Amino acid sequence: MLQAFGFSLSVTTPILLMMVLGYVFRHRGMISADFIQSGSNLVFNVTLPCLLFLNVANADVAALIQPKLLATATIITVVSTAILWWYGRNMAPAQRGVFVQGCFRGNMGIIGLATIVNAFGTEALAPAGIYLAIIAIVYNLTAIVVLSAAQSRPDQNLLKQTVRSMVTNPLFLAIAAGLALALMRFSLPDWLMTSGRYLANMTLPLALLCVGGSLSLERLKGNRSLIVQASLVKLVLLPAFSVLCGAMLGFRDVSLGILYLMMATPSATASFVMAKQMAGDADLAADIIAVTTVFAIITTTLGLLALRSFGLI
């Protein structure tokens, strides 16, 4: 048990520390809102794509694509969304879709990848990147459905914009390019690999500093009951259900770890943007993001402790 607890802390404590530093730096004026915005853009458009590209390009393609894992994660997302949609049938239209989205849509690109690297090493980045690329598409399409249905006005323009943004997404393009190189067994020059690694190594520290710096619990404007319920589903019930399904299907070690850690991530910041675009309760979305981001470290630590104690990872 002590060894399992030490493993759990080794995964989550560095993430917590970097986020706390980001929060402290922001409130001491060492980093500004402009820095956080610029840093987040740099991560999304340059350093994270570089990180995923290099790891996918140098990996064994057969080991990267796990149809069973991807199908399981997709089915869990769709089924849980349907259940949550039914559960929220009595909520106000502006809150129903936002609540459902906040429960299933996780911050896989930053928190998810960071916990996976800490738990399983950089060799897990490539399969986790493929998971991220596919499930992010599922998240986007599912979010459009629930937010549109909640407002009773399907938004085809937003659907077109979302599809266009997905196929031009730097992360998606980086993974596709990495897969192409891996299939061709093409090796990049050492000087280019070294330069790429410089950029890639910036990704997680910079991203976590920006997450911590943008965190604010000073104004919880949304319905507190819905915030608590969404946080409980996102951080406890959905990850537990995913682990149960994954374990029953025979997933163990890295595969089960990827499924759990991606499902256990706090609510994604993109959910706030989409809620605002589709006339949802943006304050509720922001509050769910803030609360789940704070408490995800605790729930993930306990979840990893349980998985390690039972010998599942």
Protein backbone atom coordinates (compact mmCIF):
# COMPACT_ATOMS: atom_id res chain seq x y z
CA MET A 1 0.00 0.00 0.00
CA LEU A 2 2.83 2.40 0.88
CA GLN A 3 4.54 1.69 -2.42
CA ALA A 4 1.28 2.27 -4.32
CA PHE A 5 0.75 5.55 -2.47
CA GLY A 6 4.27 6.67 -3.35
CA PHE A 7 3.62 5.88 -7.01
CA SER A 8 0.37 7.86 -6.98
CA LEU A 9 2.05 10.90 -5.43
CA SER A 10 4.92 10.70 -7.92
CA VAL A 11 2.37 11.05 -10.74
CA THR A 12 0.22 13.88 -9.39
CA THR A 13 2.51 15.94 -7.12
CA PRO A 14 4.67 17.43 -9.92
CA ILE A 15 1.51 18.52 -11.73
CA LEU A 16 0.11 20.09 -8.58
CA LEU A 17 3.38 21.90 -7.91
CA MET A 18 3.58 23.39 -11.40
CA MET A 19 -0.04 24.56 -11.23
CA VAL A 20 0.49 26.10 -7.79
CA LEU A 21 3.57 27.89 -9.10
CA GLY A 22 1.54 29.22 -12.02
CA TYR A 23 -1.12 30.48 -9.61
CA VAL A 24 1.49 32.11 -7.34
CA PHE A 25 3.41 33.66 -10.24
CA ARG A 26 0.17 35.14 -11.63
CA HIS A 27 -0.88 36.68 -8.32
CA ARG A 28 2.60 38.06 -7.64
CA GLY A 29 2.70 39.68 -11.06
CA MET A 30 5.55 37.50 -12.33
CA ILE A 31 3.40 36.33 -15.23
CA SER A 32 0.53 38.30 -16.76
CA ALA A 33 -2.74 37.46 -18.44
CA ASP A 34 -1.05 38.21 -21.77
CA PHE A 35 1.75 35.76 -20.94
CA ILE A 36 -0.82 33.07 -20.10
CA GLN A 37 -2.69 33.69 -23.36
CA SER A 38 0.51 33.69 -25.43
CA GLY A 39 1.90 30.67 -23.59
CA SER A 40 -1.30 28.70 -24.11
CA ASN A 41 -1.28 29.54 -27.82
CA LEU A 42 2.38 28.52 -28.09
CA VAL A 43 1.63 25.19 -26.41
CA PHE A 44 -1.40 24.43 -28.57
CA ASN A 45 0.06 25.53 -31.89
CA VAL A 46 3.76 24.66 -31.58
CA THR A 47 5.21 22.78 -28.61
CA LEU A 48 2.46 20.18 -28.00
CA PRO A 49 2.16 19.28 -31.71
CA CYS A 50 5.95 18.97 -31.78
CA LEU A 51 5.91 16.68 -28.73
CA LEU A 52 3.23 14.40 -30.21
CA PHE A 53 4.80 14.39 -33.68
CA LEU A 54 8.23 13.30 -32.44
CA ASN A 55 6.85 10.53 -30.23
CA VAL A 56 4.49 9.15 -32.87
CA ALA A 57 7.09 9.36 -35.67
CA ASN A 58 9.55 7.25 -33.68
CA ALA A 59 7.09 4.64 -32.42
CA ASP A 60 5.88 1.25 -33.60
CA VAL A 61 2.66 1.96 -35.51
CA ALA A 62 1.15 -1.44 -34.66
CA ALA A 63 1.47 -0.63 -30.95
CA LEU A 64 0.01 2.87 -31.35
CA ILE A 65 -3.44 2.19 -32.72
CA GLN A 66 -5.55 0.21 -30.27
CA PRO A 67 -9.03 -0.17 -31.82
CA LYS A 68 -10.44 -1.92 -28.75
CA LEU A 69 -9.34 0.88 -26.43
CA LEU A 70 -10.59 3.62 -28.77
CA ALA A 71 -13.93 1.87 -29.31
CA THR A 72 -14.37 1.39 -25.56
CA ALA A 73 -13.64 5.05 -24.80
CA THR A 74 -16.04 6.16 -27.55
CA ILE A 75 -18.87 3.93 -26.32
CA ILE A 76 -18.33 5.01 -22.71
CA THR A 77 -18.50 8.67 -23.76
CA VAL A 78 -21.67 8.23 -25.82
CA VAL A 79 -23.45 6.06 -23.23
CA SER A 80 -22.54 8.33 -20.31
CA THR A 81 -23.67 11.37 -22.31
CA ALA A 82 -27.05 9.75 -22.98
CA ILE A 83 -27.49 8.93 -19.28
CA LEU A 84 -26.48 12.44 -18.24
CA TRP A 85 -28.83 13.95 -20.82
CA TRP A 86 -31.71 12.00 -19.31
CA TYR A 87 -30.59 12.94 -15.79
CA GLY A 88 -30.64 16.64 -16.68
CA ARG A 89 -34.12 16.58 -18.24
CA ASN A 90 -35.50 19.04 -15.66
CA MET A 91 -32.62 21.54 -15.91
CA ALA A 92 -32.92 24.92 -17.61
CA PRO A 93 -32.04 24.73 -21.34
CA ALA A 94 -29.01 27.00 -20.91
CA GLN A 95 -27.64 24.75 -18.17
CA ARG A 96 -28.54 21.25 -19.37
CA GLY A 97 -26.09 21.02 -22.28
CA VAL A 98 -23.34 22.79 -20.34
CA PHE A 99 -23.78 20.40 -17.40
CA VAL A 100 -23.59 17.33 -19.64
CA GLN A 101 -20.54 18.65 -21.51
CA GLY A 102 -18.78 19.51 -18.25
CA CYS A 103 -19.28 15.94 -17.07
CA PHE A 104 -17.76 14.11 -20.04
CA ARG A 105 -15.32 16.48 -21.76
CA GLY A 106 -11.86 16.32 -20.20
CA ASN A 107 -8.60 18.26 -20.48
CA MET A 108 -6.73 15.43 -22.20
CA GLY A 109 -4.15 17.52 -24.05
CA ILE A 110 -2.50 18.98 -20.95
CA ILE A 111 -3.52 17.27 -17.70
CA GLY A 112 -4.15 13.91 -19.35
CA LEU A 113 -0.81 13.74 -21.15
CA ALA A 114 1.07 15.08 -18.11
CA THR A 115 -0.28 12.39 -15.78
CA ILE A 116 0.32 9.65 -18.36
CA VAL A 117 3.95 10.71 -18.86
CA ASN A 118 4.53 10.78 -15.09
CA ALA A 119 2.91 7.38 -14.66
CA PHE A 120 4.28 5.43 -17.62
CA GLY A 121 7.11 7.46 -19.14
CA THR A 122 7.46 9.12 -22.53
CA GLU A 123 6.94 5.81 -24.35
CA ALA A 124 3.24 6.10 -23.48
CA LEU A 125 2.96 9.48 -25.22
CA ALA A 126 2.48 8.01 -28.70
CA PRO A 127 -0.53 5.75 -27.92
CA ALA A 128 -1.93 8.48 -25.67
CA GLY A 129 -1.59 10.94 -28.57
CA ILE A 130 -3.60 8.67 -30.87
CA TYR A 131 -6.24 8.34 -28.14
CA LEU A 132 -6.30 12.13 -27.79
CA ALA A 133 -6.75 12.71 -31.52
CA ILE A 134 -9.66 10.28 -31.91
CA ILE A 135 -11.54 10.95 -28.67
CA ALA A 136 -11.21 14.73 -29.11
CA ILE A 137 -13.28 14.34 -32.29
CA VAL A 138 -15.88 12.33 -30.34
CA TYR A 139 -15.94 15.03 -27.64
CA ASN A 140 -16.44 17.86 -30.15
CA LEU A 141 -19.26 16.17 -32.03
CA THR A 142 -21.01 15.03 -28.85
CA ALA A 143 -20.75 18.54 -27.35
CA ILE A 144 -22.36 20.05 -30.44
CA VAL A 145 -25.24 17.58 -30.21
CA VAL A 146 -26.01 18.19 -26.52
CA LEU A 147 -25.59 21.96 -26.63
CA SER A 148 -27.73 22.28 -29.76
CA ALA A 149 -30.41 19.93 -28.43
CA ALA A 150 -30.55 21.82 -25.13
CA GLN A 151 -31.35 25.03 -27.01
CA SER A 152 -33.68 23.24 -29.46
CA ARG A 153 -31.89 24.86 -32.38
CA PRO A 154 -29.38 22.74 -34.30
CA ASP A 155 -26.51 24.94 -35.41
CA GLN A 156 -25.21 23.61 -38.73
CA ASN A 157 -22.78 26.50 -39.15
CA LEU A 158 -21.13 25.64 -35.85
CA LEU A 159 -20.95 21.98 -36.92
CA LYS A 160 -19.17 22.99 -40.13
CA GLN A 161 -16.81 25.28 -38.22
CA THR A 162 -16.04 22.54 -35.72
CA VAL A 163 -15.35 19.93 -38.40
CA ARG A 164 -13.11 22.43 -40.20
CA SER A 165 -11.26 23.27 -36.98
CA MET A 166 -10.71 19.58 -36.23
CA VAL A 167 -9.14 18.78 -39.60
CA THR A 168 -6.91 21.86 -39.32
CA ASN A 169 -6.15 21.23 -35.64
CA PRO A 170 -2.35 21.35 -35.06
CA LEU A 171 -2.51 18.30 -32.77
CA PHE A 172 -4.43 16.25 -35.31
CA LEU A 173 -2.09 17.30 -38.13
CA ALA A 174 1.01 16.58 -36.03
CA ILE A 175 -0.18 13.06 -35.18
CA ALA A 176 -1.14 12.39 -38.82
CA ALA A 177 2.29 13.55 -40.00
CA GLY A 178 4.00 11.46 -37.33
CA LEU A 179 2.03 8.37 -38.39
CA ALA A 180 3.00 8.96 -42.02
CA LEU A 181 6.71 9.10 -41.13
CA ALA A 182 6.43 6.04 -38.89
CA LEU A 183 4.74 4.04 -41.67
CA MET A 184 7.44 5.09 -44.16
CA ARG A 185 10.12 4.31 -41.55
CA PHE A 186 11.68 7.68 -42.34
CA SER A 187 14.20 9.04 -39.84
CA LEU A 188 14.61 12.75 -39.30
CA PRO A 189 18.11 14.26 -39.16
CA ASP A 190 19.67 14.42 -35.70
CA TRP A 191 19.90 18.22 -35.74
CA LEU A 192 16.18 18.49 -36.47
CA MET A 193 15.30 15.93 -33.78
CA THR A 194 17.39 17.84 -31.22
CA SER A 195 15.75 21.16 -32.13
CA GLY A 196 12.33 19.53 -31.96
CA ARG A 197 13.09 18.12 -28.52
CA TYR A 198 13.98 21.58 -27.25
CA LEU A 199 10.48 22.73 -28.18
CA ALA A 200 8.78 19.54 -27.04
CA ASN A 201 10.40 19.65 -23.61
CA MET A 202 8.80 23.07 -22.97
CA THR A 203 5.29 21.72 -23.40
CA LEU A 204 4.12 20.31 -20.08
CA PRO A 205 5.84 22.80 -17.72
CA LEU A 206 4.62 25.80 -19.72
CA ALA A 207 1.12 24.37 -20.14
CA LEU A 208 0.74 23.60 -16.43
CA LEU A 209 2.01 27.04 -15.43
CA CYS A 210 -0.62 28.57 -17.72
CA VAL A 211 -3.36 26.34 -16.29
CA GLY A 212 -2.41 27.36 -12.74
CA GLY A 213 -2.10 31.02 -13.67
CA SER A 214 -5.55 31.10 -15.25
CA LEU A 215 -7.23 29.37 -12.30
CA SER A 216 -9.76 31.40 -10.32
CA LEU A 217 -12.15 30.30 -7.59
CA GLU A 218 -12.94 33.84 -6.51
CA ARG A 219 -16.25 34.03 -8.33
CA LEU A 220 -18.45 30.96 -8.42
CA LYS A 221 -21.51 32.32 -10.19
CA GLY A 222 -23.16 29.14 -11.38
CA ASN A 223 -25.64 26.85 -9.66
CA ARG A 224 -23.51 25.33 -6.88
CA SER A 225 -25.56 22.15 -6.77
CA LEU A 226 -24.90 21.56 -10.47
CA ILE A 227 -21.20 22.37 -10.02
CA VAL A 228 -20.89 19.74 -7.26
CA GLN A 229 -22.85 17.15 -9.24
CA ALA A 230 -20.85 17.72 -12.43
CA SER A 231 -17.56 17.58 -10.52
CA LEU A 232 -18.56 14.32 -8.84
CA VAL A 233 -19.46 12.75 -12.18
CA LYS A 234 -16.36 14.04 -13.98
CA LEU A 235 -13.81 13.16 -11.31
CA VAL A 236 -15.28 10.06 -9.64
CA LEU A 237 -18.21 8.34 -11.33
CA LEU A 238 -17.09 8.52 -14.97
CA PRO A 239 -13.49 7.38 -14.26
CA ALA A 240 -14.74 4.56 -11.99
CA PHE A 241 -17.23 3.40 -14.65
CA SER A 242 -14.45 3.52 -17.28
CA VAL A 243 -12.08 1.45 -15.14
CA LEU A 244 -14.81 -1.10 -14.46
CA CYS A 245 -15.56 -1.45 -18.17
CA GLY A 246 -11.88 -1.52 -19.10
CA ALA A 247 -10.97 -4.13 -16.49
CA MET A 248 -13.87 -6.35 -17.57
CA LEU A 249 -12.62 -6.13 -21.17
CA GLY A 250 -9.13 -7.19 -20.12
CA PHE A 251 -7.28 -3.86 -20.18
CA ARG A 252 -4.28 -3.67 -17.89
CA ASP A 253 -1.17 -1.57 -17.31
CA VAL A 254 -0.66 1.21 -19.90
CA SER A 255 -3.95 0.66 -21.76
CA LEU A 256 -6.04 0.79 -18.60
CA GLY A 257 -3.91 3.66 -17.31
CA ILE A 258 -4.52 5.73 -20.45
CA LEU A 259 -8.26 5.06 -20.26
CA TYR A 260 -8.45 5.98 -16.58
CA LEU A 261 -6.18 9.04 -16.65
CA MET A 262 -7.85 10.52 -19.73
CA MET A 263 -11.32 9.99 -18.27
CA ALA A 264 -10.23 11.35 -14.85
CA THR A 265 -9.02 14.70 -16.21
CA PRO A 266 -10.76 17.92 -15.13
CA SER A 267 -13.30 19.51 -17.44
CA ALA A 268 -11.73 20.95 -20.59
CA THR A 269 -11.32 24.69 -21.07
CA ALA A 270 -12.77 24.26 -24.56
CA SER A 271 -16.15 23.55 -22.94
CA PHE A 272 -16.33 27.19 -21.82
CA VAL A 273 -15.66 28.46 -25.33
CA MET A 274 -18.28 26.21 -26.89
CA ALA A 275 -20.85 27.01 -24.18
CA LYS A 276 -20.39 30.71 -24.92
CA GLN A 277 -20.69 30.16 -28.68
CA MET A 278 -23.95 28.24 -28.30
CA ALA A 279 -25.73 30.50 -25.79
CA GLY A 280 -25.22 28.13 -22.88
CA ASP A 281 -24.52 29.07 -19.27
CA ALA A 282 -20.86 30.07 -19.70
CA ASP A 283 -20.48 30.91 -15.98
CA LEU A 284 -21.53 27.37 -15.06
CA ALA A 285 -19.00 25.99 -17.56
CA ALA A 286 -16.20 28.16 -16.11
CA ASP A 287 -17.08 27.13 -12.55
CA ILE A 288 -17.07 23.42 -13.41
CA ILE A 289 -13.65 23.82 -15.04
CA ALA A 290 -12.22 25.62 -12.00
CA VAL A 291 -13.58 23.22 -9.38
CA THR A 292 -12.66 20.03 -11.27
CA THR A 293 -9.15 21.38 -11.96
CA VAL A 294 -8.56 21.95 -8.24
CA PHE A 295 -9.93 18.62 -7.03
CA ALA A 296 -8.67 16.43 -9.89
CA ILE A 297 -5.27 16.09 -8.21
CA ILE A 298 -6.87 14.52 -5.13
CA THR A 299 -9.23 12.19 -6.99
CA THR A 300 -6.56 11.10 -9.47
CA THR A 301 -4.12 10.33 -6.66
CA LEU A 302 -6.71 8.18 -4.90
CA GLY A 303 -7.70 6.51 -8.16
CA LEU A 304 -4.11 5.61 -9.01
CA LEU A 305 -3.63 4.33 -5.48
CA ALA A 306 -6.60 1.99 -5.89
CA LEU A 307 -5.51 0.76 -9.34
CA ARG A 308 -1.95 0.16 -8.16
CA SER A 309 -3.09 -1.59 -4.98
CA PHE A 310 -5.25 -4.01 -6.99
CA GLY A 311 -2.41 -4.65 -9.45
CA LEU A 312 -4.30 -3.25 -12.45
CA ILE A 313 -1.52 -0.87 -13.51
